Amino acid sequence: MQRRALGRTGAKVSALGLGCAGMSPENLARDDAEAIATVGRALDLGVDFIDTSDAYGNGHNEELIAKAIKGRRKELFLATKFGNIRGPQGQRGGTNGKPDYVPVACDNSLRRLGVDVIDLYYLHRVDPEVPIEDTVGAMAKLVQQGKVRFLGLSEAKPDVIRRAHAVHPIAALESEYSLWTRDAEREIMPLCRALGISYVPYCPLGRGFLSGTIRAVADVPDGDRRHDHPRFHDENLRRNLALLKPLDELAKEKGCTQAQIALAWVLSRGPDVIPIPGSRRRPHLEENAKAADVTLTEADCAKLEKVFAIGATAGLRYPEKQMPQMSF
């Protein structure tokens, strides 16, 4: 597995990480044994950038990761997040970036993960009621105390990124990015590049859409959160399916899957881009990992980008009520 530098920290991680949110679904059955095996398989393959959050499964995901990495802590680079509040039953409870909450959240994550230090600690969502300087100032104290190595933000707007970085170096920004979500190219990715911040795309497969396995709303399981996402609603989905032709053509030409082409394109955006596709099962993980060996030419990329131009995708990327929290 190729490796990439994380910001200007001096640390290096696998070019492809592993997003673990899907291992702790809210309304679907869980398979903890397979999830644990998937994390272990990731480490075996050299996929060492493991991404979780205290919000995933309301703490369940961090506890799951603890079981998966037991005895293997030195083999991975561990990232987790805080500030995206969940209620006892997983209900959304807004954001919390208050300085006095930061150490509490960190200590809880350390306990659930069973580790002494978190490699990369993200603010999961920016609290609009708290100046970012106050939140990041409290996060910086965690670095001073040795509980956290590096700091990150998730779904932060450009001005917030600048202000946060002025308080303490931000190593990574985790935000959505894929062929069908390219808006970050306009301002956020150039800003991160100028500041030496790695861009960590979540949902680089468009919540599974770019794999080509979702052809109708009925292909999304009952209870799956994607039913709430406008891009998966009937008319939007029909229009978005028309975008997949170049992915299918390139996959056939290169003897790989559409998902591998989509991930290879994200990887081609630059050495400071480190996607974290989610996988709940080992076969999907193994398929994704092979994307690092797929080479796209400039002509290949141009073909994809012509169809998947910014604004070509039908529908908002999140439910409308959640959009104010997002970076674009």
Protein backbone atom coordinates (compact mmCIF):
# COMPACT_ATOMS: atom_id res chain seq x y z
CA MET A 1 0.00 0.00 0.00
CA GLN A 2 1.30 3.43 -0.96
CA ARG A 3 1.83 5.95 1.83
CA ARG A 4 1.14 9.67 1.98
CA ALA A 5 2.27 12.48 4.26
CA LEU A 6 -0.29 13.83 6.70
CA GLY A 7 -0.12 17.60 6.38
CA ARG A 8 3.17 18.97 7.64
CA THR A 9 3.26 16.71 10.70
CA GLY A 10 5.99 14.39 9.45
CA ALA A 11 3.65 11.42 9.91
CA LYS A 12 2.75 9.15 7.02
CA VAL A 13 -0.37 7.04 6.57
CA SER A 14 -1.69 4.62 3.98
CA ALA A 15 -2.87 6.33 0.79
CA LEU A 16 -6.27 4.77 1.37
CA GLY A 17 -7.73 4.73 4.85
CA LEU A 18 -10.67 2.86 6.32
CA GLY A 19 -13.84 4.69 7.31
CA CYS A 20 -15.60 2.74 10.03
CA ALA A 21 -18.95 4.54 10.40
CA GLY A 22 -20.87 1.89 8.47
CA MET A 23 -19.86 -0.76 10.99
CA SER A 24 -22.21 0.85 13.51
CA PRO A 25 -25.38 1.59 11.50
CA GLU A 26 -28.27 3.27 13.25
CA ASN A 27 -31.21 1.31 11.86
CA LEU A 28 -29.63 -1.76 10.31
CA ALA A 29 -28.33 -5.02 11.73
CA ARG A 30 -24.74 -5.00 12.96
CA ASP A 31 -22.16 -7.69 12.41
CA ASP A 32 -19.48 -6.93 14.97
CA ALA A 33 -17.47 -10.08 14.26
CA GLU A 34 -17.16 -9.26 10.56
CA ALA A 35 -16.41 -5.61 11.33
CA ILE A 36 -13.59 -6.59 13.67
CA ALA A 37 -12.23 -8.99 11.05
CA THR A 38 -12.41 -6.23 8.45
CA VAL A 39 -10.30 -3.87 10.53
CA GLY A 40 -7.79 -6.66 11.09
CA ARG A 41 -7.67 -7.41 7.39
CA ALA A 42 -7.11 -3.73 6.66
CA LEU A 43 -4.03 -3.73 8.86
CA ASP A 44 -2.80 -6.90 7.16
CA LEU A 45 -3.07 -5.11 3.80
CA GLY A 46 -1.21 -2.04 5.06
CA VAL A 47 -4.34 0.10 5.31
CA ASP A 48 -3.34 1.67 8.61
CA PHE A 49 -5.31 4.95 8.66
CA ILE A 50 -8.36 3.96 10.72
CA ASP A 51 -11.14 6.54 11.08
CA THR A 52 -13.91 6.48 13.69
CA SER A 53 -15.94 8.92 15.83
CA ASP A 54 -17.69 9.01 19.17
CA ALA A 55 -20.89 9.73 17.19
CA TYR A 56 -20.85 6.47 15.23
CA GLY A 57 -23.26 4.21 17.03
CA ASN A 58 -23.16 6.60 19.99
CA GLY A 59 -19.79 5.23 21.10
CA HIS A 60 -20.29 1.69 19.79
CA ASN A 61 -17.86 2.17 16.94
CA GLU A 62 -14.98 3.25 19.16
CA GLU A 63 -15.59 0.23 21.41
CA LEU A 64 -15.63 -1.99 18.32
CA ILE A 65 -12.35 -0.55 17.08
CA ALA A 66 -10.83 -1.16 20.51
CA LYS A 67 -11.52 -4.88 20.12
CA ALA A 68 -10.22 -4.91 16.57
CA ILE A 69 -6.88 -3.24 17.32
CA LYS A 70 -6.13 -4.96 20.62
CA GLY A 71 -2.50 -6.02 20.53
CA ARG A 72 -1.91 -4.15 17.25
CA ARG A 73 -1.86 -0.50 18.33
CA LYS A 74 1.58 0.14 16.85
CA GLU A 75 0.38 -0.94 13.40
CA LEU A 76 -2.13 1.85 12.86
CA PHE A 77 -2.72 5.57 12.77
CA LEU A 78 -5.91 6.16 14.74
CA ALA A 79 -8.30 9.04 14.05
CA THR A 80 -11.48 9.82 15.92
CA LYS A 81 -13.83 12.77 16.26
CA PHE A 82 -16.02 14.62 18.75
CA GLY A 83 -18.61 17.37 18.84
CA ASN A 84 -21.37 15.75 16.76
CA ILE A 85 -23.73 14.91 19.58
CA ARG A 86 -25.92 11.82 19.74
CA GLY A 87 -28.67 10.98 22.22
CA PRO A 88 -29.05 7.63 24.04
CA GLN A 89 -30.91 6.11 21.07
CA GLY A 90 -28.67 7.67 18.44
CA GLN A 91 -30.87 10.71 17.88
CA ARG A 92 -29.07 13.81 16.66
CA GLY A 93 -28.46 16.36 19.37
CA GLY A 94 -26.67 19.20 17.62
CA THR A 95 -23.04 20.16 18.14
CA ASN A 96 -20.83 20.84 21.14
CA GLY A 97 -17.53 22.64 20.76
CA LYS A 98 -17.45 24.19 24.22
CA PRO A 99 -13.94 24.27 25.68
CA ASP A 100 -14.97 22.48 28.87
CA TYR A 101 -16.51 19.64 26.84
CA VAL A 102 -13.39 18.99 24.76
CA PRO A 103 -11.33 17.16 27.45
CA VAL A 104 -14.39 15.23 28.60
CA ALA A 105 -15.07 13.96 25.09
CA CYS A 106 -11.41 13.09 24.58
CA ASP A 107 -11.14 11.13 27.82
CA ASN A 108 -14.28 9.20 26.94
CA SER A 109 -12.88 8.32 23.51
CA LEU A 110 -9.55 7.24 24.98
CA ARG A 111 -11.41 4.98 27.40
CA ARG A 112 -13.65 3.43 24.75
CA LEU A 113 -10.75 2.95 22.33
CA GLY A 114 -8.52 1.50 25.01
CA VAL A 115 -5.54 3.62 24.00
CA ASP A 116 -3.29 6.19 25.68
CA VAL A 117 -3.12 8.61 22.77
CA ILE A 118 -5.22 9.49 19.72
CA ASP A 119 -3.14 10.14 16.61
CA LEU A 120 -5.57 12.54 14.93
CA TYR A 121 -8.42 14.20 16.83
CA TYR A 122 -11.06 15.95 14.75
CA LEU A 123 -13.79 18.39 15.60
CA HIS A 124 -16.58 16.45 13.87
CA ARG A 125 -18.87 19.43 13.31
CA VAL A 126 -18.24 23.09 14.05
CA ASP A 127 -20.38 24.49 16.87
CA PRO A 128 -21.93 27.72 15.56
CA GLU A 129 -22.37 29.00 19.13
CA VAL A 130 -18.68 28.72 20.06
CA PRO A 131 -15.80 30.64 18.45
CA ILE A 132 -13.57 28.16 16.67
CA GLU A 133 -10.58 29.72 18.43
CA ASP A 134 -11.99 28.59 21.79
CA THR A 135 -12.65 25.03 20.64
CA VAL A 136 -9.27 24.58 18.95
CA GLY A 137 -7.54 26.23 21.89
CA ALA A 138 -8.98 23.54 24.15
CA MET A 139 -8.00 20.84 21.64
CA ALA A 140 -4.45 22.20 21.58
CA LYS A 141 -4.21 21.58 25.32
CA LEU A 142 -4.81 17.88 24.61
CA VAL A 143 -1.71 17.90 22.41
CA GLN A 144 0.28 19.56 25.19
CA GLN A 145 -0.95 16.89 27.62
CA GLY A 146 0.09 14.06 25.30
CA LYS A 147 -3.45 12.74 24.84
CA VAL A 148 -3.58 13.72 21.16
CA ARG A 149 -0.83 13.98 18.55
CA PHE A 150 -2.45 16.05 15.79
CA LEU A 151 -5.63 18.09 15.26
CA GLY A 152 -8.19 18.04 12.48
CA LEU A 153 -11.50 19.55 11.44
CA SER A 154 -14.44 18.05 9.60
CA GLU A 155 -16.86 19.90 7.31
CA ALA A 156 -15.44 23.32 8.18
CA LYS A 157 -15.88 26.41 6.02
CA PRO A 158 -12.85 28.31 4.65
CA ASP A 159 -12.90 31.13 7.21
CA VAL A 160 -13.16 28.63 10.06
CA ILE A 161 -10.22 26.67 8.67
CA ARG A 162 -8.05 29.79 8.52
CA ARG A 163 -8.95 30.88 12.04
CA ALA A 164 -8.46 27.42 13.51
CA HIS A 165 -5.09 26.98 11.80
CA ALA A 166 -3.95 30.30 13.28
CA VAL A 167 -4.54 28.93 16.79
CA HIS A 168 -2.89 25.54 16.28
CA PRO A 169 -1.69 23.75 13.13
CA ILE A 170 -4.47 21.72 11.55
CA ALA A 171 -3.14 18.50 10.06
CA ALA A 172 -6.20 17.37 8.14
CA LEU A 173 -9.64 18.42 6.99
CA GLU A 174 -12.13 15.59 6.62
CA SER A 175 -14.98 16.46 4.27
CA GLU A 176 -16.99 14.80 1.55
CA TYR A 177 -15.35 14.48 -1.85
CA SER A 178 -15.87 12.21 -4.83
CA LEU A 179 -16.65 12.39 -8.52
CA TRP A 180 -20.22 13.42 -7.72
CA THR A 181 -19.24 15.85 -4.93
CA ARG A 182 -16.45 18.06 -6.29
CA ASP A 183 -17.49 21.42 -4.78
CA ALA A 184 -14.46 21.46 -2.47
CA GLU A 185 -12.23 22.04 -5.51
CA ARG A 186 -13.46 25.62 -5.76
CA GLU A 187 -12.02 27.05 -2.54
CA ILE A 188 -11.52 24.54 0.26
CA MET A 189 -9.00 22.19 -1.33
CA PRO A 190 -6.80 25.03 -2.66
CA LEU A 191 -6.89 26.60 0.82
CA CYS A 192 -5.88 23.34 2.47
CA ARG A 193 -3.04 22.95 -0.02
CA ALA A 194 -1.81 26.49 0.67
CA LEU A 195 -1.84 25.88 4.43
CA GLY A 196 -0.28 22.41 4.26
CA ILE A 197 -3.43 20.63 5.43
CA SER A 198 -4.21 17.17 4.07
CA TYR A 199 -7.67 16.70 2.60
CA VAL A 200 -9.34 13.50 3.81
CA PRO A 201 -12.37 12.67 1.65
CA TYR A 202 -15.14 10.68 3.26
CA CYS A 203 -17.76 9.01 1.03
CA PRO A 204 -15.29 8.88 -1.90
CA LEU A 205 -17.66 6.35 -3.49
CA GLY A 206 -20.65 8.65 -3.20
CA ARG A 207 -22.26 6.57 -0.44
CA GLY A 208 -21.96 3.53 -2.69
CA PHE A 209 -23.56 5.14 -5.75
CA LEU A 210 -20.32 5.25 -7.75
CA SER A 211 -19.86 1.50 -7.34
CA GLY A 212 -22.70 1.04 -9.83
CA THR A 213 -24.58 -1.35 -7.57
CA ILE A 214 -27.49 1.00 -6.85
CA ARG A 215 -29.78 1.18 -9.86
CA ALA A 216 -33.06 2.03 -8.13
CA VAL A 217 -34.35 3.27 -4.78
CA ALA A 218 -35.34 -0.32 -3.99
CA ASP A 219 -31.65 -1.26 -3.98
CA VAL A 220 -31.16 0.81 -0.81
CA PRO A 221 -32.10 -1.31 2.25
CA ASP A 222 -35.05 -0.30 4.39
CA GLY A 223 -33.91 1.83 7.31
CA ASP A 224 -30.76 2.92 5.49
CA ARG A 225 -29.99 6.63 6.00
CA ARG A 226 -29.55 7.10 2.28
CA HIS A 227 -33.32 7.19 1.97
CA ASP A 228 -33.11 10.61 3.65
CA HIS A 229 -30.52 11.90 1.18
CA PRO A 230 -32.00 13.79 -1.78
CA ARG A 231 -29.55 12.32 -4.30
CA PHE A 232 -31.11 8.89 -3.74
CA HIS A 233 -34.69 10.07 -4.25
CA ASP A 234 -36.45 8.74 -7.35
CA GLU A 235 -36.06 11.57 -9.89
CA ASN A 236 -32.61 12.62 -8.69
CA LEU A 237 -31.39 9.04 -8.71
CA ARG A 238 -32.68 8.52 -12.25
CA ARG A 239 -30.77 11.59 -13.45
CA ASN A 240 -27.61 10.61 -11.56
CA LEU A 241 -27.57 7.10 -13.04
CA ALA A 242 -26.99 8.69 -16.43
CA LEU A 243 -23.60 9.91 -15.17
CA LEU A 244 -22.18 6.42 -14.64
CA LYS A 245 -21.44 5.50 -18.27
CA PRO A 246 -17.76 6.66 -18.32
CA LEU A 247 -17.09 4.84 -15.05
CA ASP A 248 -18.48 1.64 -16.52
CA GLU A 249 -16.50 2.07 -19.75
CA LEU A 250 -13.20 2.70 -17.97
CA ALA A 251 -13.75 -0.18 -15.59
CA LYS A 252 -14.26 -2.58 -18.49
CA GLU A 253 -11.26 -1.15 -20.34
CA LYS A 254 -8.94 -1.57 -17.36
CA GLY A 255 -10.37 -4.84 -16.05
CA CYS A 256 -11.42 -3.50 -12.68
CA THR A 257 -14.57 -2.34 -10.91
CA GLN A 258 -16.36 0.99 -11.12
CA ALA A 259 -15.59 1.53 -7.43
CA GLN A 260 -11.88 1.10 -8.11
CA ILE A 261 -12.01 3.65 -10.93
CA ALA A 262 -13.82 6.13 -8.68
CA LEU A 263 -11.27 5.69 -5.90
CA ALA A 264 -8.34 5.83 -8.31
CA TRP A 265 -9.65 9.19 -9.52
CA VAL A 266 -9.75 10.57 -5.96
CA LEU A 267 -6.23 9.28 -5.34
CA SER A 268 -5.08 11.01 -8.53
CA ARG A 269 -6.05 14.44 -7.13
CA GLY A 270 -2.70 14.77 -5.36
CA PRO A 271 -0.47 13.29 -2.66
CA ASP A 272 -2.19 15.44 -0.02
CA VAL A 273 -5.56 13.75 -0.67
CA ILE A 274 -6.16 10.67 1.51
CA PRO A 275 -9.59 9.08 0.96
CA ILE A 276 -11.21 6.90 3.62
CA PRO A 277 -13.77 4.67 1.88
CA GLY A 278 -16.02 2.87 4.30
CA SER A 279 -16.17 -0.91 4.40
CA ARG A 280 -18.14 -3.21 6.66
CA ARG A 281 -16.94 -6.45 5.10
CA ARG A 282 -13.62 -7.85 4.00
CA PRO A 283 -14.44 -8.36 0.29
CA HIS A 284 -15.33 -4.68 -0.13
CA LEU A 285 -12.21 -3.64 1.79
CA GLU A 286 -10.02 -5.80 -0.43
CA GLU A 287 -11.67 -4.44 -3.57
CA ASN A 288 -11.12 -0.86 -2.42
CA ALA A 289 -7.50 -1.46 -1.46
CA LYS A 290 -6.71 -2.63 -5.00
CA ALA A 291 -7.75 0.78 -6.30
CA ALA A 292 -4.32 2.06 -5.23
CA ASP A 293 -2.87 -0.05 -8.06
CA VAL A 294 -5.16 1.37 -10.76
CA THR A 295 -3.54 4.02 -12.96
CA LEU A 296 -5.63 6.65 -14.71
CA THR A 297 -4.22 8.75 -17.53
CA GLU A 298 -4.90 12.45 -17.94
CA ALA A 299 -7.32 11.51 -20.73
CA ASP A 300 -9.12 9.08 -18.42
CA CYS A 301 -9.52 11.75 -15.76
CA ALA A 302 -10.67 14.32 -18.29
CA LYS A 303 -13.34 11.92 -19.53
CA LEU A 304 -14.67 11.42 -16.01
CA GLU A 305 -14.50 15.07 -15.08
CA LYS A 306 -16.40 16.18 -18.16
CA VAL A 307 -19.40 14.08 -17.15
CA PHE A 308 -19.05 14.60 -13.40
CA ALA A 309 -18.62 18.35 -13.61
CA ILE A 310 -19.27 20.42 -10.50
CA GLY A 311 -23.02 20.87 -10.28
CA ALA A 312 -23.86 17.93 -12.57
CA THR A 313 -25.15 15.77 -9.73
CA ALA A 314 -28.88 16.04 -9.04
CA GLY A 315 -29.93 16.71 -5.44
CA LEU A 316 -28.36 18.05 -2.26
CA ARG A 317 -25.63 15.91 -0.74
CA TYR A 318 -27.35 15.94 2.68
CA PRO A 319 -30.94 16.47 3.83
CA GLU A 320 -31.73 20.18 3.63
CA LYS A 321 -31.90 20.63 7.41
CA GLN A 322 -28.31 19.39 7.76
CA MET A 323 -26.80 21.56 5.03
CA PRO A 324 -26.05 24.57 7.28
CA GLN A 325 -23.53 22.39 9.16
CA MET A 326 -21.63 21.53 5.99
CA SER A 327 -18.61 23.25 4.49
CA PHE A 328 -20.25 23.74 1.08
